[in-house]
């Protein structure tokens, strides 16, 4: 992956998150963040 592609993908993801928060709020992002943290802890336990 080149730097140009990585920057474009990063900017695209940030723009998508901003639009999502503007339209739907941030409650579901907080929920998904908590679930992701739980998943990371669970995976670390089995490592």
N, C-alpha and C. Protein backbone atom coordinates (compact mmCIF):
# COMPACT_ATOMS: atom_id res chain seq x y z
N UNK A 1 0.86 -1.16 0.00
CA UNK A 1 0.00 0.00 0.00
C UNK A 1 0.91 1.23 0.00
N UNK A 2 0.67 2.10 -0.92
CA UNK A 2 1.48 3.32 -0.99
C UNK A 2 0.95 4.35 0.01
N UNK A 3 1.78 5.35 0.26
CA UNK A 3 1.37 6.41 1.18
C UNK A 3 0.14 7.16 0.66
N UNK A 4 0.08 7.34 -0.64
CA UNK A 4 -1.05 8.07 -1.23
C UNK A 4 -2.36 7.33 -0.98
N UNK A 5 -2.35 6.01 -1.16
CA UNK A 5 -3.56 5.22 -0.92
C UNK A 5 -3.93 5.22 0.56
N UNK A 6 -2.93 5.09 1.43
CA UNK A 6 -3.19 5.08 2.87
C UNK A 6 -3.80 6.40 3.33
N UNK A 7 -3.28 7.52 2.82
CA UNK A 7 -3.82 8.82 3.20
C UNK A 7 -5.25 8.97 2.70
N UNK A 8 -5.50 8.55 1.46
CA UNK A 8 -6.85 8.63 0.91
C UNK A 8 -7.83 7.79 1.73
N UNK A 9 -7.46 6.57 2.08
CA UNK A 9 -8.34 5.72 2.88
C UNK A 9 -8.58 6.31 4.27
N UNK A 10 -7.55 6.86 4.88
CA UNK A 10 -7.70 7.49 6.19
C UNK A 10 -8.64 8.68 6.14
N UNK A 11 -8.48 9.53 5.13
CA UNK A 11 -9.36 10.69 4.99
C UNK A 11 -10.79 10.26 4.70
N UNK A 12 -10.95 9.22 3.90
CA UNK A 12 -12.28 8.71 3.60
C UNK A 12 -12.98 8.19 4.85
N UNK A 13 -12.25 7.44 5.68
CA UNK A 13 -12.84 6.93 6.92
C UNK A 13 -13.21 8.05 7.88
N UNK A 14 -12.35 9.04 7.99
CA UNK A 14 -12.65 10.17 8.87
C UNK A 14 -13.87 10.93 8.38
N UNK A 15 -13.95 11.15 7.08
CA UNK A 15 -15.11 11.85 6.51
C UNK A 15 -16.39 11.04 6.73
N UNK A 16 -16.31 9.72 6.56
CA UNK A 16 -17.48 8.87 6.77
C UNK A 16 -17.93 8.92 8.23
N UNK A 17 -17.00 8.91 9.17
CA UNK A 17 -17.36 9.00 10.58
C UNK A 17 -17.99 10.35 10.91
N UNK A 18 -17.45 11.42 10.35
CA UNK A 18 -18.01 12.75 10.60
C UNK A 18 -19.44 12.84 10.07
N UNK A 19 -19.66 12.35 8.85
CA UNK A 19 -21.01 12.39 8.30
C UNK A 19 -21.97 11.52 9.11
N UNK A 20 -21.50 10.37 9.57
CA UNK A 20 -22.33 9.48 10.37
C UNK A 20 -22.74 10.15 11.68
N UNK A 21 -21.81 10.81 12.34
CA UNK A 21 -22.11 11.48 13.60
C UNK A 21 -23.05 12.66 13.36
N UNK A 22 -22.87 13.38 12.27
CA UNK A 22 -23.75 14.52 11.98
C UNK A 22 -25.18 14.04 11.73
N UNK A 23 -25.37 12.92 11.06
CA UNK A 23 -26.71 12.46 10.70
C UNK A 23 -27.38 11.64 11.79
N UNK A 24 -26.61 10.78 12.47
CA UNK A 24 -27.23 9.83 13.40
C UNK A 24 -26.82 10.01 14.85
N UNK A 25 -25.90 10.89 15.16
CA UNK A 25 -25.43 11.05 16.52
C UNK A 25 -24.29 10.08 16.82
N UNK A 26 -23.82 10.12 18.04
CA UNK A 26 -22.64 9.31 18.35
C UNK A 26 -22.92 8.15 19.31
N UNK A 27 -24.19 7.89 19.62
CA UNK A 27 -24.49 6.84 20.59
C UNK A 27 -24.04 5.46 20.10
N UNK A 28 -24.28 5.17 18.84
CA UNK A 28 -23.91 3.85 18.34
C UNK A 28 -22.40 3.71 18.20
N UNK A 29 -21.67 4.80 17.96
CA UNK A 29 -20.21 4.72 17.91
C UNK A 29 -19.63 4.40 19.28
N UNK A 30 -20.24 4.97 20.32
CA UNK A 30 -19.78 4.68 21.69
C UNK A 30 -20.04 3.21 22.01
N UNK A 31 -21.21 2.71 21.63
CA UNK A 31 -21.54 1.30 21.86
C UNK A 31 -20.55 0.39 21.13
N UNK A 32 -20.27 0.69 19.86
CA UNK A 32 -19.34 -0.14 19.09
C UNK A 32 -17.93 -0.06 19.66
N UNK A 33 -17.55 1.11 20.15
CA UNK A 33 -16.22 1.25 20.77
C UNK A 33 -16.09 0.39 22.01
N UNK A 34 -17.14 0.37 22.83
CA UNK A 34 -17.12 -0.47 24.03
C UNK A 34 -17.04 -1.95 23.67
N UNK A 35 -17.82 -2.36 22.66
CA UNK A 35 -17.80 -3.76 22.25
C UNK A 35 -16.45 -4.15 21.65
N UNK A 36 -15.83 -3.23 20.91
CA UNK A 36 -14.50 -3.50 20.35
C UNK A 36 -13.48 -3.67 21.46
N UNK A 37 -13.57 -2.83 22.51
CA UNK A 37 -12.66 -2.96 23.65
C UNK A 37 -12.85 -4.31 24.34
N UNK A 38 -14.09 -4.75 24.50
CA UNK A 38 -14.35 -6.05 25.10
C UNK A 38 -13.77 -7.17 24.24
N UNK A 39 -13.92 -7.06 22.92
CA UNK A 39 -13.37 -8.07 22.01
C UNK A 39 -11.85 -8.13 22.11
N UNK A 40 -11.21 -6.99 22.17
CA UNK A 40 -9.75 -6.95 22.29
C UNK A 40 -9.30 -7.60 23.59
N UNK A 41 -9.99 -7.31 24.68
CA UNK A 41 -9.65 -7.95 25.96
C UNK A 41 -9.85 -9.46 25.89
N UNK A 42 -10.93 -9.91 25.25
CA UNK A 42 -11.21 -11.33 25.15
C UNK A 42 -10.15 -12.03 24.31
N UNK A 43 -9.75 -11.41 23.22
CA UNK A 43 -8.71 -12.00 22.37
C UNK A 43 -7.38 -12.03 23.11
N UNK A 44 -7.06 -10.98 23.86
CA UNK A 44 -5.82 -10.94 24.62
C UNK A 44 -5.80 -12.04 25.68
N UNK A 45 -6.95 -12.37 26.25
CA UNK A 45 -7.03 -13.43 27.24
C UNK A 45 -6.63 -14.77 26.62
N UNK A 46 -7.06 -15.04 25.40
CA UNK A 46 -6.79 -16.31 24.78
C UNK A 46 -5.43 -16.37 24.10
N UNK A 47 -4.72 -15.30 24.11
CA UNK A 47 -3.39 -15.29 23.51
C UNK A 47 -2.45 -15.99 24.40
